[in-house]
Amino acid sequence: VALDVAKRLEQKGKSVRVVSVPSFELFDRQDKTYQQTVLGDNVGQYWAIEAQSSFGWHRYIGRDGITVCVDDFGKSAPSSDLVKEYGFDIEKIVALAT
């Protein structure tokens, strides 16, 4: 989803960097210079798109960062319905970012 959102935003003239952080624990072990190289230091807006909890993301995206995450439990439906329910629709995210 993040890569598709990035492509759409780049088509609209936005500069986008997509970063995967599969392990907060391992990323936190890296030195600050490396972390800044990965995350960038001249970023207008940080986002986290995660089909899980937003817990932990704000230490990387800041208090003003935007999360598209799942912060509740108990939904059961076909994945296409859940994508819409939780806001993982590419067009919705692009609209939020522009």
C-alpha atoms as a PDB file:
ATOM      1  CA  VAL A   1       0.000   0.000   0.000  1.00  0.00           C
ATOM      2  CA  ALA A   2       2.745   2.463   0.950  1.00  0.00           C
ATOM      3  CA  LEU A   3       4.560   1.928  -2.345  1.00  0.00           C
ATOM      4  CA  ASP A   4       1.364   2.463  -4.335  1.00  0.00           C
ATOM      5  CA  VAL A   5       0.592   5.612  -2.348  1.00  0.00           C
ATOM      6  CA  ALA A   6       4.138   6.856  -2.993  1.00  0.00           C
ATOM      7  CA  LYS A   7       3.791   6.295  -6.747  1.00  0.00           C
ATOM      8  CA  ARG A   8       0.548   8.248  -6.841  1.00  0.00           C
ATOM      9  CA  LEU A   9       1.983  11.086  -4.784  1.00  0.00           C
ATOM     10  CA  GLU A  10       5.097  11.265  -6.948  1.00  0.00           C
ATOM     11  CA  GLN A  11       2.841  11.551 -10.006  1.00  0.00           C
ATOM     12  CA  LYS A  12       1.373  14.606  -8.280  1.00  0.00           C
ATOM     13  CA  GLY A  13       4.845  16.111  -7.878  1.00  0.00           C
ATOM     14  CA  LYS A  14       5.468  15.102  -4.258  1.00  0.00           C
ATOM     15  CA  SER A  15       8.809  13.765  -3.112  1.00  0.00           C
ATOM     16  CA  VAL A  16       8.248  10.558  -1.140  1.00  0.00           C
ATOM     17  CA  ARG A  17      10.502   8.165   0.739  1.00  0.00           C
ATOM     18  CA  VAL A  18       9.153   4.767   1.770  1.00  0.00           C
ATOM     19  CA  VAL A  19      10.956   3.103   4.653  1.00  0.00           C
ATOM     20  CA  SER A  20      10.321  -0.363   6.034  1.00  0.00           C
ATOM     21  CA  VAL A  21      11.016  -0.921   9.714  1.00  0.00           C
ATOM     22  CA  PRO A  22      10.258  -4.608  10.277  1.00  0.00           C
ATOM     23  CA  SER A  23      11.779  -4.491  13.780  1.00  0.00           C
ATOM     24  CA  PHE A  24      11.765  -1.437  16.046  1.00  0.00           C
ATOM     25  CA  GLU A  25      14.152  -3.310  18.314  1.00  0.00           C
ATOM     26  CA  LEU A  26      16.798  -3.797  15.618  1.00  0.00           C
ATOM     27  CA  PHE A  27      16.348  -0.281  14.245  1.00  0.00           C
ATOM     28  CA  ASP A  28      16.803   1.186  17.736  1.00  0.00           C
ATOM     29  CA  ARG A  29      20.145  -0.634  18.046  1.00  0.00           C
ATOM     30  CA  GLN A  30      21.521   1.287  15.078  1.00  0.00           C
ATOM     31  CA  ASP A  31      23.443   4.491  15.662  1.00  0.00           C
ATOM     32  CA  LYS A  32      21.614   7.813  15.308  1.00  0.00           C
ATOM     33  CA  THR A  33      23.467   8.712  12.113  1.00  0.00           C
ATOM     34  CA  TYR A  34      22.203   5.584  10.397  1.00  0.00           C
ATOM     35  CA  GLN A  35      18.676   6.143  11.692  1.00  0.00           C
ATOM     36  CA  GLN A  36      18.669   9.714  10.342  1.00  0.00           C
ATOM     37  CA  THR A  37      20.008   8.497   7.001  1.00  0.00           C
ATOM     38  CA  VAL A  38      17.111   6.060   6.728  1.00  0.00           C
ATOM     39  CA  LEU A  39      14.374   8.358   8.045  1.00  0.00           C
ATOM     40  CA  GLY A  40      15.667  11.580   6.504  1.00  0.00           C
ATOM     41  CA  ASP A  41      16.069  14.855   8.333  1.00  0.00           C
ATOM     42  CA  ASN A  42      14.390  17.333   5.998  1.00  0.00           C
ATOM     43  CA  VAL A  43      10.939  15.779   5.885  1.00  0.00           C
ATOM     44  CA  GLY A  44       7.751  17.788   5.700  1.00  0.00           C
ATOM     45  CA  GLN A  45       5.483  15.081   7.100  1.00  0.00           C
ATOM     46  CA  TYR A  46       6.123  11.624   8.468  1.00  0.00           C
ATOM     47  CA  TRP A  47       3.526   8.881   8.030  1.00  0.00           C
ATOM     48  CA  ALA A  48       3.212   5.310   9.263  1.00  0.00           C
ATOM     49  CA  ILE A  49       1.062   2.900   7.272  1.00  0.00           C
ATOM     50  CA  GLU A  50       0.792  -0.323   9.236  1.00  0.00           C
ATOM     51  CA  ALA A  51      -1.860  -3.039   9.237  1.00  0.00           C
ATOM     52  CA  GLN A  52      -1.261  -3.331  12.960  1.00  0.00           C
ATOM     53  CA  SER A  53      -1.237  -1.042  15.972  1.00  0.00           C
ATOM     54  CA  SER A  54       0.238   2.442  15.750  1.00  0.00           C
ATOM     55  CA  PHE A  55       1.975   1.737  19.077  1.00  0.00           C
ATOM     56  CA  GLY A  56       5.632   2.689  18.829  1.00  0.00           C
ATOM     57  CA  TRP A  57       5.492   4.582  15.546  1.00  0.00           C
ATOM     58  CA  HIS A  58       5.404   8.074  17.061  1.00  0.00           C
ATOM     59  CA  ARG A  59       8.957   7.769  18.330  1.00  0.00           C
ATOM     60  CA  TYR A  60       9.986   7.774  14.641  1.00  0.00           C
ATOM     61  CA  ILE A  61       7.324   9.957  13.047  1.00  0.00           C
ATOM     62  CA  GLY A  62       6.936  12.465  15.877  1.00  0.00           C
ATOM     63  CA  ARG A  63       3.803  13.658  17.640  1.00  0.00           C
ATOM     64  CA  ASP A  64       2.549  15.323  14.480  1.00  0.00           C
ATOM     65  CA  GLY A  65       3.145  12.256  12.329  1.00  0.00           C
ATOM     66  CA  ILE A  66       0.121  10.642  10.739  1.00  0.00           C
ATOM     67  CA  THR A  67      -0.715   6.992  11.245  1.00  0.00           C
ATOM     68  CA  VAL A  68      -2.914   4.804   9.109  1.00  0.00           C
ATOM     69  CA  CYS A  69      -3.029   1.828  11.444  1.00  0.00           C
ATOM     70  CA  VAL A  70      -5.361  -0.588  13.192  1.00  0.00           C
ATOM     71  CA  ASP A  71      -5.857   0.372  16.826  1.00  0.00           C
ATOM     72  CA  ASP A  72      -8.820  -1.795  17.716  1.00  0.00           C
ATOM     73  CA  PHE A  73      -9.785  -5.453  17.722  1.00  0.00           C
ATOM     74  CA  GLY A  74     -12.628  -7.736  16.806  1.00  0.00           C
ATOM     75  CA  LYS A  75     -13.417  -7.080  13.153  1.00  0.00           C
ATOM     76  CA  SER A  76     -13.911 -10.046  10.909  1.00  0.00           C
ATOM     77  CA  ALA A  77     -14.750  -9.725   7.238  1.00  0.00           C
ATOM     78  CA  PRO A  78     -13.284 -10.333   3.792  1.00  0.00           C
ATOM     79  CA  SER A  79      -9.957  -8.540   3.461  1.00  0.00           C
ATOM     80  CA  SER A  80     -11.311  -6.183   0.798  1.00  0.00           C
ATOM     81  CA  ASP A  81     -13.935  -4.968   3.291  1.00  0.00           C
ATOM     82  CA  LEU A  82     -11.384  -4.566   6.069  1.00  0.00           C
ATOM     83  CA  VAL A  83      -9.086  -2.557   3.806  1.00  0.00           C
ATOM     84  CA  LYS A  84     -11.866  -0.021   3.352  1.00  0.00           C
ATOM     85  CA  GLU A  85     -12.996  -0.185   6.989  1.00  0.00           C
ATOM     86  CA  TYR A  86      -9.537   0.624   8.320  1.00  0.00           C
ATOM     87  CA  GLY A  87      -8.679   3.236   5.697  1.00  0.00           C
ATOM     88  CA  PHE A  88      -6.015   1.311   3.788  1.00  0.00           C
ATOM     89  CA  ASP A  89      -7.540   2.423   0.509  1.00  0.00           C
ATOM     90  CA  ILE A  90      -4.809   3.935  -1.655  1.00  0.00           C
ATOM     91  CA  GLU A  91      -6.998   6.758  -2.955  1.00  0.00           C
ATOM     92  CA  LYS A  92      -8.072   7.728   0.583  1.00  0.00           C
ATOM     93  CA  ILE A  93      -4.495   7.893   1.803  1.00  0.00           C
ATOM     94  CA  VAL A  94      -3.412   9.907  -1.248  1.00  0.00           C
ATOM     95  CA  ALA A  95      -6.289  12.322  -0.619  1.00  0.00           C
ATOM     96  CA  LEU A  96      -5.216  12.717   3.022  1.00  0.00           C
ATOM     97  CA  ALA A  97      -1.651  13.461   1.958  1.00  0.00           C
ATOM     98  CA  THR A  98      -2.476  16.124  -0.622  1.00  0.00           C
END
